[in-house]
Amino acid sequence: MLEIVWDQGFKKTIRKWSKRYPEYTEILERQLETFVKEPFHASLKTHALTGTLKECWSFRITYDHRLIFRFNEDRSKAILVDIGKHDDVY
């Protein structure tokens, strides 16, 4: 099972996101549960990013919202980086 790491910067970002989009918090919780069990589950549409975010990955929360993360070297941990609308986080 994958370990999730919430750093201080992400905690601040998630608080703001949750206040702005309270209707998506349950969806986020379900997606995180799926992610921990199976990071590449088809419903998440997990994919590697390119360009300035080339060390990061993303998975889908809703059609318009994404969560950005990085794997550690052995992919046993996922460090959460950012969350938001598609156009805002890319």
N, C-alpha and C. Protein backbone atom coordinates (compact mmCIF):
# COMPACT_ATOMS: atom_id res chain seq x y z
N MET A 1 0.84 -1.18 0.00
CA MET A 1 0.00 0.00 0.00
C MET A 1 0.89 1.24 0.00
N LEU A 2 0.48 2.24 -0.74
CA LEU A 2 1.22 3.48 -0.91
C LEU A 2 1.04 4.39 0.31
N GLU A 3 2.12 5.00 0.75
CA GLU A 3 2.06 5.96 1.85
C GLU A 3 1.93 7.36 1.27
N ILE A 4 1.04 8.17 1.86
CA ILE A 4 0.82 9.54 1.41
C ILE A 4 1.55 10.49 2.36
N VAL A 5 2.27 11.47 1.80
CA VAL A 5 2.97 12.47 2.60
C VAL A 5 2.34 13.83 2.33
N TRP A 6 1.83 14.45 3.39
CA TRP A 6 1.20 15.78 3.30
C TRP A 6 2.18 16.77 3.90
N ASP A 7 2.87 17.55 3.07
CA ASP A 7 3.77 18.55 3.65
C ASP A 7 2.98 19.81 4.01
N GLN A 8 3.62 20.74 4.73
CA GLN A 8 2.94 21.94 5.21
C GLN A 8 2.34 22.77 4.07
N GLY A 9 3.06 22.93 2.99
CA GLY A 9 2.56 23.71 1.86
C GLY A 9 1.29 23.11 1.29
N PHE A 10 1.27 21.79 1.16
CA PHE A 10 0.08 21.14 0.62
C PHE A 10 -1.10 21.24 1.58
N LYS A 11 -0.83 21.15 2.88
CA LYS A 11 -1.90 21.26 3.87
C LYS A 11 -2.61 22.61 3.74
N LYS A 12 -1.83 23.66 3.53
CA LYS A 12 -2.41 24.99 3.35
C LYS A 12 -3.24 25.05 2.07
N THR A 13 -2.70 24.49 1.00
CA THR A 13 -3.40 24.48 -0.29
C THR A 13 -4.70 23.69 -0.21
N ILE A 14 -4.68 22.54 0.44
CA ILE A 14 -5.88 21.70 0.52
C ILE A 14 -6.96 22.37 1.37
N ARG A 15 -6.56 23.10 2.41
CA ARG A 15 -7.55 23.83 3.21
C ARG A 15 -8.28 24.87 2.36
N LYS A 16 -7.52 25.62 1.57
CA LYS A 16 -8.12 26.64 0.69
C LYS A 16 -9.02 25.97 -0.34
N TRP A 17 -8.54 24.89 -0.95
CA TRP A 17 -9.32 24.18 -1.97
C TRP A 17 -10.62 23.65 -1.37
N SER A 18 -10.54 23.07 -0.18
CA SER A 18 -11.73 22.49 0.46
C SER A 18 -12.77 23.55 0.79
N LYS A 19 -12.32 24.75 1.17
CA LYS A 19 -13.26 25.83 1.45
C LYS A 19 -13.91 26.34 0.16
N ARG A 20 -13.13 26.36 -0.90
CA ARG A 20 -13.64 26.86 -2.18
C ARG A 20 -14.55 25.85 -2.88
N TYR A 21 -14.23 24.56 -2.71
CA TYR A 21 -14.99 23.49 -3.39
C TYR A 21 -15.45 22.42 -2.39
N PRO A 22 -16.27 22.78 -1.41
CA PRO A 22 -16.69 21.79 -0.39
C PRO A 22 -17.46 20.62 -0.98
N GLU A 23 -18.09 20.83 -2.13
CA GLU A 23 -18.86 19.75 -2.75
C GLU A 23 -17.97 18.62 -3.29
N TYR A 24 -16.67 18.85 -3.38
CA TYR A 24 -15.76 17.83 -3.91
C TYR A 24 -14.94 17.10 -2.84
N THR A 25 -15.10 17.46 -1.57
CA THR A 25 -14.25 16.86 -0.54
C THR A 25 -14.49 15.35 -0.41
N GLU A 26 -15.74 14.91 -0.51
CA GLU A 26 -16.02 13.47 -0.43
C GLU A 26 -15.42 12.73 -1.62
N ILE A 27 -15.51 13.34 -2.78
CA ILE A 27 -14.93 12.73 -3.98
C ILE A 27 -13.42 12.62 -3.82
N LEU A 28 -12.79 13.67 -3.29
CA LEU A 28 -11.34 13.63 -3.05
C LEU A 28 -10.98 12.49 -2.10
N GLU A 29 -11.73 12.34 -1.02
CA GLU A 29 -11.46 11.27 -0.07
C GLU A 29 -11.54 9.90 -0.74
N ARG A 30 -12.56 9.69 -1.55
CA ARG A 30 -12.70 8.40 -2.26
C ARG A 30 -11.55 8.18 -3.23
N GLN A 31 -11.18 9.23 -3.96
CA GLN A 31 -10.09 9.11 -4.92
C GLN A 31 -8.76 8.83 -4.20
N LEU A 32 -8.54 9.46 -3.06
CA LEU A 32 -7.32 9.19 -2.29
C LEU A 32 -7.30 7.76 -1.77
N GLU A 33 -8.44 7.24 -1.34
CA GLU A 33 -8.51 5.84 -0.90
C GLU A 33 -8.14 4.90 -2.04
N THR A 34 -8.67 5.18 -3.22
CA THR A 34 -8.34 4.38 -4.39
C THR A 34 -6.86 4.51 -4.72
N PHE A 35 -6.34 5.72 -4.67
CA PHE A 35 -4.94 5.99 -4.99
C PHE A 35 -3.98 5.23 -4.07
N VAL A 36 -4.30 5.20 -2.78
CA VAL A 36 -3.45 4.49 -1.81
C VAL A 36 -3.41 3.00 -2.12
N LYS A 37 -4.55 2.43 -2.49
CA LYS A 37 -4.64 1.00 -2.78
C LYS A 37 -4.05 0.65 -4.15
N GLU A 38 -4.35 1.48 -5.14
CA GLU A 38 -3.93 1.20 -6.51
C GLU A 38 -3.67 2.52 -7.25
N PRO A 39 -2.43 3.05 -7.17
CA PRO A 39 -2.11 4.37 -7.73
C PRO A 39 -2.40 4.53 -9.22
N PHE A 40 -2.44 3.44 -9.94
CA PHE A 40 -2.68 3.53 -11.39
C PHE A 40 -4.04 2.97 -11.79
N HIS A 41 -5.00 3.04 -10.88
CA HIS A 41 -6.36 2.58 -11.18
C HIS A 41 -6.90 3.41 -12.35
N ALA A 42 -7.63 2.78 -13.23
CA ALA A 42 -8.12 3.43 -14.45
C ALA A 42 -8.97 4.68 -14.16
N SER A 43 -9.73 4.66 -13.09
CA SER A 43 -10.60 5.80 -12.79
C SER A 43 -9.82 7.06 -12.41
N LEU A 44 -8.58 6.88 -11.98
CA LEU A 44 -7.76 8.03 -11.57
C LEU A 44 -7.09 8.73 -12.76
N LYS A 45 -6.90 7.98 -13.81
CA LYS A 45 -6.19 8.51 -14.99
C LYS A 45 -4.82 9.09 -14.60
N THR A 46 -4.10 8.37 -13.77
CA THR A 46 -2.77 8.78 -13.31
C THR A 46 -1.81 8.85 -14.48
N HIS A 47 -1.06 9.95 -14.55
CA HIS A 47 -0.10 10.08 -15.64
C HIS A 47 1.07 10.98 -15.24
N ALA A 48 2.21 10.74 -15.88
CA ALA A 48 3.40 11.55 -15.65
C ALA A 48 3.22 12.89 -16.36
N LEU A 49 3.80 13.92 -15.77
CA LEU A 49 3.73 15.25 -16.36
C LEU A 49 5.02 15.58 -17.10
N THR A 50 4.98 16.62 -17.89
CA THR A 50 6.14 17.02 -18.68
C THR A 50 6.45 18.50 -18.42
N GLY A 51 7.46 18.99 -19.06
CA GLY A 51 7.83 20.40 -18.93
C GLY A 51 8.36 20.72 -17.54
N THR A 52 7.92 21.84 -16.98
CA THR A 52 8.42 22.27 -15.67
C THR A 52 7.97 21.33 -14.55
N LEU A 53 6.97 20.52 -14.80
CA LEU A 53 6.49 19.57 -13.80
C LEU A 53 6.92 18.14 -14.12
N LYS A 54 8.01 17.98 -14.84
CA LYS A 54 8.40 16.65 -15.33
C LYS A 54 8.72 15.63 -14.24
N GLU A 55 8.99 16.07 -13.02
CA GLU A 55 9.24 15.13 -11.93
C GLU A 55 7.95 14.76 -11.20
N CYS A 56 6.84 15.31 -11.64
CA CYS A 56 5.56 15.10 -10.97
C CYS A 56 4.62 14.22 -11.78
N TRP A 57 3.60 13.78 -11.09
CA TRP A 57 2.52 12.99 -11.66
C TRP A 57 1.21 13.65 -11.29
N SER A 58 0.13 13.24 -11.93
CA SER A 58 -1.17 13.80 -11.65
C SER A 58 -2.22 12.70 -11.67
N PHE A 59 -3.27 12.90 -10.85
CA PHE A 59 -4.45 12.04 -11.00
C PHE A 59 -5.70 12.89 -10.90
N ARG A 60 -6.76 12.34 -11.45
CA ARG A 60 -8.04 13.04 -11.59
C ARG A 60 -8.87 12.93 -10.33
N ILE A 61 -9.39 14.09 -9.88
CA ILE A 61 -10.35 14.11 -8.79
C ILE A 61 -11.75 14.19 -9.39
N THR A 62 -11.94 15.17 -10.26
CA THR A 62 -13.18 15.30 -11.03
C THR A 62 -12.76 15.60 -12.46
N TYR A 63 -13.72 15.81 -13.32
CA TYR A 63 -13.41 16.13 -14.70
C TYR A 63 -12.48 17.34 -14.79
N ASP A 64 -12.66 18.31 -13.91
CA ASP A 64 -11.92 19.57 -13.98
C ASP A 64 -10.81 19.72 -12.93
N HIS A 65 -10.77 18.86 -11.93
CA HIS A 65 -9.82 19.02 -10.82
C HIS A 65 -8.77 17.91 -10.79
N ARG A 66 -7.53 18.30 -10.50
CA ARG A 66 -6.41 17.36 -10.47
C ARG A 66 -5.63 17.48 -9.17
N LEU A 67 -4.98 16.41 -8.80
CA LEU A 67 -4.05 16.40 -7.68
C LEU A 67 -2.67 16.09 -8.25
N ILE A 68 -1.69 16.93 -7.93
CA ILE A 68 -0.31 16.77 -8.40
C ILE A 68 0.51 16.17 -7.27
N PHE A 69 1.37 15.21 -7.58
CA PHE A 69 2.20 14.56 -6.57
C PHE A 69 3.52 14.12 -7.19
N ARG A 70 4.45 13.75 -6.31
CA ARG A 70 5.73 13.16 -6.71
C ARG A 70 5.89 11.83 -5.98
N PHE A 71 6.46 10.86 -6.65
CA PHE A 71 6.83 9.60 -6.00
C PHE A 71 8.22 9.75 -5.41
N ASN A 72 8.48 9.03 -4.29
CA ASN A 72 9.87 8.92 -3.84
C ASN A 72 10.58 7.92 -4.75
N GLU A 73 11.86 7.67 -4.52
CA GLU A 73 12.66 6.85 -5.45
C GLU A 73 12.11 5.45 -5.67
N ASP A 74 11.63 4.80 -4.62
CA ASP A 74 11.14 3.42 -4.80
C ASP A 74 9.61 3.34 -4.96
N ARG A 75 8.99 4.48 -5.11
CA ARG A 75 7.54 4.59 -5.31
C ARG A 75 6.72 4.00 -4.17
N SER A 76 7.27 4.02 -2.97
CA SER A 76 6.52 3.56 -1.81
C SER A 76 5.76 4.71 -1.16
N LYS A 77 6.13 5.95 -1.51
CA LYS A 77 5.48 7.13 -0.95
C LYS A 77 5.11 8.09 -2.08
N ALA A 78 4.01 8.80 -1.86
CA ALA A 78 3.59 9.86 -2.78
C ALA A 78 3.55 11.16 -1.99
N ILE A 79 4.34 12.14 -2.42
CA ILE A 79 4.39 13.44 -1.77
C ILE A 79 3.41 14.35 -2.51
N LEU A 80 2.36 14.77 -1.82
CA LEU A 80 1.33 15.60 -2.44
C LEU A 80 1.86 17.02 -2.63
N VAL A 81 1.67 17.56 -3.83
CA VAL A 81 2.27 18.85 -4.21
C VAL A 81 1.24 19.95 -4.38
N ASP A 82 0.17 19.68 -5.12
CA ASP A 82 -0.80 20.72 -5.43
C ASP A 82 -2.14 20.10 -5.78
N ILE A 83 -3.18 20.89 -5.65
CA ILE A 83 -4.52 20.47 -6.01
C ILE A 83 -5.25 21.67 -6.57
N GLY A 84 -6.09 21.43 -7.58
CA GLY A 84 -6.86 22.54 -8.13
C GLY A 84 -7.43 22.20 -9.49
N LYS A 85 -7.99 23.23 -10.10
CA LYS A 85 -8.54 23.05 -11.45
C LYS A 85 -7.41 22.78 -12.43
N HIS A 86 -7.73 22.04 -13.45
CA HIS A 86 -6.76 21.61 -14.46
C HIS A 86 -5.90 22.77 -14.93
N ASP A 87 -6.49 23.85 -15.36
CA ASP A 87 -5.74 24.98 -15.90
C ASP A 87 -4.91 25.71 -14.84
N ASP A 88 -5.28 25.60 -13.56
CA ASP A 88 -4.56 26.29 -12.50
C ASP A 88 -3.31 25.54 -12.04
N VAL A 89 -3.35 24.22 -12.05
CA VAL A 89 -2.21 23.45 -11.52
C VAL A 89 -1.17 23.09 -12.57
N TYR A 90 -1.55 23.15 -13.85
CA TYR A 90 -0.59 22.83 -14.90
C TYR A 90 0.07 24.09 -15.33
